[in-house]
Structure formats: C-alpha cells, structure tokens
C-alpha cells in the first residue's frame, strides 16, 4: 500500500546538491489502469497502481534491461524525465523532490511517503513546501505524461 502526499515547491533547499540524486525516465503502457515502466539509474521496473490519491495499492516488479526495452515499445504516453533528490526531513521521513525535464521543464514537486494514513493526515509540511496537490489529479505522473504541465 502506498500512502503519499504530493506538494509543489515554495522554495528549493539551497543545499540540494549534497543529497542523493536519482535519474528517472518513465512512461506508461496504460494509464487506466496505471501500468508504468521506470528506468531509475541502472534499475528497471514495472509498476501497477490502483486508483486513488492519498492511499492506493502499488505493485512493483523488477525487470531486466531486455524485458524493459521490450515493454518500452508498448508505451502509450509521452516519456517523463526527471531528477529526484532524496532529502531527509523530520520524523524520519524523506522528501522526494522531483525536478522535471524536457516537456515538463519548470515543474518541481515533492512527494512524501508515510507508514499510515493517520501519519499522512497529521503531517505538517516544512515551510519550504508549497501547495498540497495530493488530491489534484493533474499532478499525477500519468496525467503529466498524457496532458503535460497543469496551467494554473
């Protein structure tokens, strides 16, 4: 079960480069249901997610490079390219800062995963977090891949 909140960024941490960074390339074989392919550094995954916002089921299957490349031929969306920084925050949580590239350039989001739904509901975001977009479907990665950046 994935329990996650998503935010825009009010102010980027000034020391971002000191944190672990991942290069992520992903696209969707299907957006309903959500079936995602992800290449993250030297790893490859197939993810299946149920509908939902704050809480939803997620299944992740590791793939070989060959399996990934074969499935990549089946994608039905634009490719989402981003750099993810893993920034530790209070209560042993991690803020995953996604800086989108290419067609989504200029968009930056923060995701935080929680152990319980209560933890997510009680979470008080640090001052550098921006607007909570957890329940705004336009910011889901599958919708970003289909429709591009939301026009607020």
Protein backbone atom coordinates (compact mmCIF):
# COMPACT_ATOMS: atom_id res chain seq x y z
CA UNK A 1 0.00 0.00 0.00
CA UNK A 2 1.34 3.42 -0.95
CA UNK A 3 0.36 6.32 1.31
CA UNK A 4 1.75 9.50 -0.15
CA UNK A 5 1.23 13.26 -0.22
CA UNK A 6 2.37 15.48 -3.07
CA UNK A 7 3.25 19.17 -2.93
CA UNK A 8 4.51 21.93 -5.15
CA UNK A 9 7.69 23.70 -4.04
CA UNK A 10 7.62 27.07 -2.32
CA UNK A 11 11.41 27.39 -2.00
CA UNK A 12 14.08 24.90 -3.02
CA UNK A 13 16.61 23.87 -0.37
CA UNK A 14 19.85 25.77 -1.01
CA UNK A 15 21.99 22.67 -0.34
CA UNK A 16 20.16 20.32 -2.71
CA UNK A 17 23.32 19.02 -4.41
CA UNK A 18 24.53 17.36 -1.21
CA UNK A 19 21.65 14.86 -1.23
CA UNK A 20 21.31 11.56 -3.06
CA UNK A 21 20.07 12.04 -6.60
CA UNK A 22 18.36 9.62 -9.00
CA UNK A 23 17.88 9.95 -12.76
CA UNK A 24 14.39 8.73 -13.67
CA UNK A 25 12.85 8.02 -17.06
CA UNK A 26 9.31 6.66 -17.10
CA UNK A 27 6.33 6.16 -19.38
CA UNK A 28 3.02 4.34 -19.31
CA UNK A 29 1.92 1.16 -21.05
CA UNK A 30 -1.57 2.03 -19.79
CA UNK A 31 -2.99 4.93 -17.81
CA UNK A 32 -6.26 3.16 -16.91
CA UNK A 33 -5.28 1.01 -15.13
CA UNK A 34 -1.94 2.66 -14.38
CA UNK A 35 0.88 0.46 -15.67
CA UNK A 36 4.18 2.29 -15.60
CA UNK A 37 7.67 1.46 -16.81
CA UNK A 38 10.52 3.16 -14.97
CA UNK A 39 14.25 3.29 -15.57
CA UNK A 40 15.94 4.62 -12.42
CA UNK A 41 19.72 4.80 -12.64
CA UNK A 42 20.74 1.21 -13.52
CA UNK A 43 17.43 -0.38 -12.40
CA UNK A 44 14.28 -1.17 -14.36
CA UNK A 45 10.74 -1.63 -13.02
CA UNK A 46 7.16 -2.29 -14.00
CA UNK A 47 4.63 -0.70 -11.60
CA UNK A 48 0.90 -1.23 -11.38
CA UNK A 49 -1.14 1.23 -9.30
CA UNK A 50 -4.80 1.29 -8.35
CA UNK A 51 -6.91 4.45 -8.47
CA UNK A 52 -6.76 6.85 -5.57
CA UNK A 53 -4.98 9.91 -4.26
CA UNK A 54 -3.61 9.73 -0.72
CA UNK A 55 -3.75 5.95 -0.45
CA UNK A 56 -3.58 3.32 -3.17
CA UNK A 57 -2.18 -0.09 -3.84
CA UNK A 58 1.09 -0.33 -5.74
CA UNK A 59 2.90 -3.36 -7.05
CA UNK A 60 6.50 -3.05 -8.27
CA UNK A 61 8.19 -5.73 -10.34
CA UNK A 62 11.93 -5.57 -11.09
CA UNK A 63 12.77 -6.10 -14.77
CA UNK A 64 15.90 -6.90 -16.73
CA UNK A 65 17.08 -4.32 -19.22
CA UNK A 66 15.91 -6.61 -22.04
CA UNK A 67 12.42 -7.00 -20.55
CA UNK A 68 12.21 -3.25 -20.02
CA UNK A 69 13.26 -2.47 -23.61
CA UNK A 70 10.74 -4.96 -25.00
CA UNK A 71 7.89 -3.45 -22.95
CA UNK A 72 9.06 0.12 -23.73
CA UNK A 73 7.90 -0.46 -27.32
CA UNK A 74 4.33 -0.63 -25.95
CA UNK A 75 4.18 2.76 -24.19
CA UNK A 76 1.12 4.90 -24.92
CA UNK A 77 2.26 8.15 -23.30
CA UNK A 78 4.97 10.76 -23.53
CA UNK A 79 8.14 10.00 -21.61
CA UNK A 80 8.55 11.67 -18.22
CA UNK A 81 12.14 12.59 -17.44
CA UNK A 82 13.10 13.89 -14.02
CA UNK A 83 15.83 14.13 -11.43
CA UNK A 84 14.81 13.06 -7.93
CA UNK A 85 16.60 14.30 -4.82
CA UNK A 86 16.08 12.40 -1.56
CA UNK A 87 16.02 14.96 1.26
CA UNK A 88 15.63 13.76 4.87
CA UNK A 89 13.04 15.71 6.88
CA UNK A 90 11.65 15.46 10.43
CA UNK A 91 10.15 12.23 11.83
CA UNK A 92 12.47 10.00 9.75
CA UNK A 93 10.63 10.95 6.57
CA UNK A 94 12.10 11.68 3.15
CA UNK A 95 11.06 14.48 0.83
CA UNK A 96 11.44 13.23 -2.74
CA UNK A 97 12.00 16.38 -4.80
CA UNK A 98 11.27 15.76 -8.48
CA UNK A 99 12.69 18.29 -10.93
CA UNK A 100 11.07 17.56 -14.27
CA UNK A 101 12.94 17.96 -17.55
CA UNK A 102 12.20 18.32 -21.24
CA UNK A 103 8.47 18.94 -21.95
CA UNK A 104 7.73 19.24 -18.23
CA UNK A 105 10.66 21.57 -17.56
CA UNK A 106 9.84 24.19 -14.94
CA UNK A 107 7.70 21.84 -12.84
CA UNK A 108 9.05 20.70 -9.47
CA UNK A 109 7.12 18.60 -6.97
CA UNK A 110 7.75 16.99 -3.60
CA UNK A 111 6.37 13.59 -2.55
CA UNK A 112 6.45 12.20 0.98
CA UNK A 113 5.52 8.59 1.76
CA UNK A 114 4.00 7.60 5.11
CA UNK A 115 3.57 4.42 7.13
CA UNK A 116 -0.08 5.12 7.96
CA UNK A 117 -2.92 7.24 6.66
CA UNK A 118 -3.09 8.98 10.05
CA UNK A 119 0.59 9.97 9.73
CA UNK A 120 -0.17 11.49 6.33
CA UNK A 121 -3.21 13.39 7.58
CA UNK A 122 -1.34 14.71 10.64
CA UNK A 123 1.74 15.73 8.61
CA UNK A 124 2.75 19.38 8.91
CA UNK A 125 4.79 20.32 5.87
CA UNK A 126 8.03 22.29 6.28
CA UNK A 127 7.91 25.96 5.28
CA UNK A 128 9.78 25.29 2.03
CA UNK A 129 6.95 23.03 0.78
CA UNK A 130 4.33 24.71 -1.38
CA UNK A 131 0.70 23.95 -2.15
CA UNK A 132 -0.60 20.45 -1.31
CA UNK A 133 -1.65 18.88 -4.64
CA UNK A 134 -2.26 15.36 -3.33
CA UNK A 135 -5.89 15.38 -4.49
CA UNK A 136 -5.28 17.27 -7.75
CA UNK A 137 -5.18 14.60 -10.47
CA UNK A 138 -3.42 16.96 -12.88
CA UNK A 139 -0.18 16.43 -10.91
CA UNK A 140 -0.24 12.62 -11.05
CA UNK A 141 2.68 11.46 -13.19
CA UNK A 142 0.41 9.50 -15.56
CA UNK A 143 -1.59 12.68 -16.26
CA UNK A 144 1.58 14.72 -16.67
CA UNK A 145 2.68 12.15 -19.28
CA UNK A 146 -0.64 12.46 -21.11
CA UNK A 147 -1.52 16.15 -20.79
CA UNK A 148 1.67 18.00 -19.81
CA UNK A 149 2.08 20.64 -17.12
CA UNK A 150 -1.07 21.94 -15.43
CA UNK A 151 -1.88 25.51 -16.40
CA UNK A 152 -2.68 27.22 -13.07
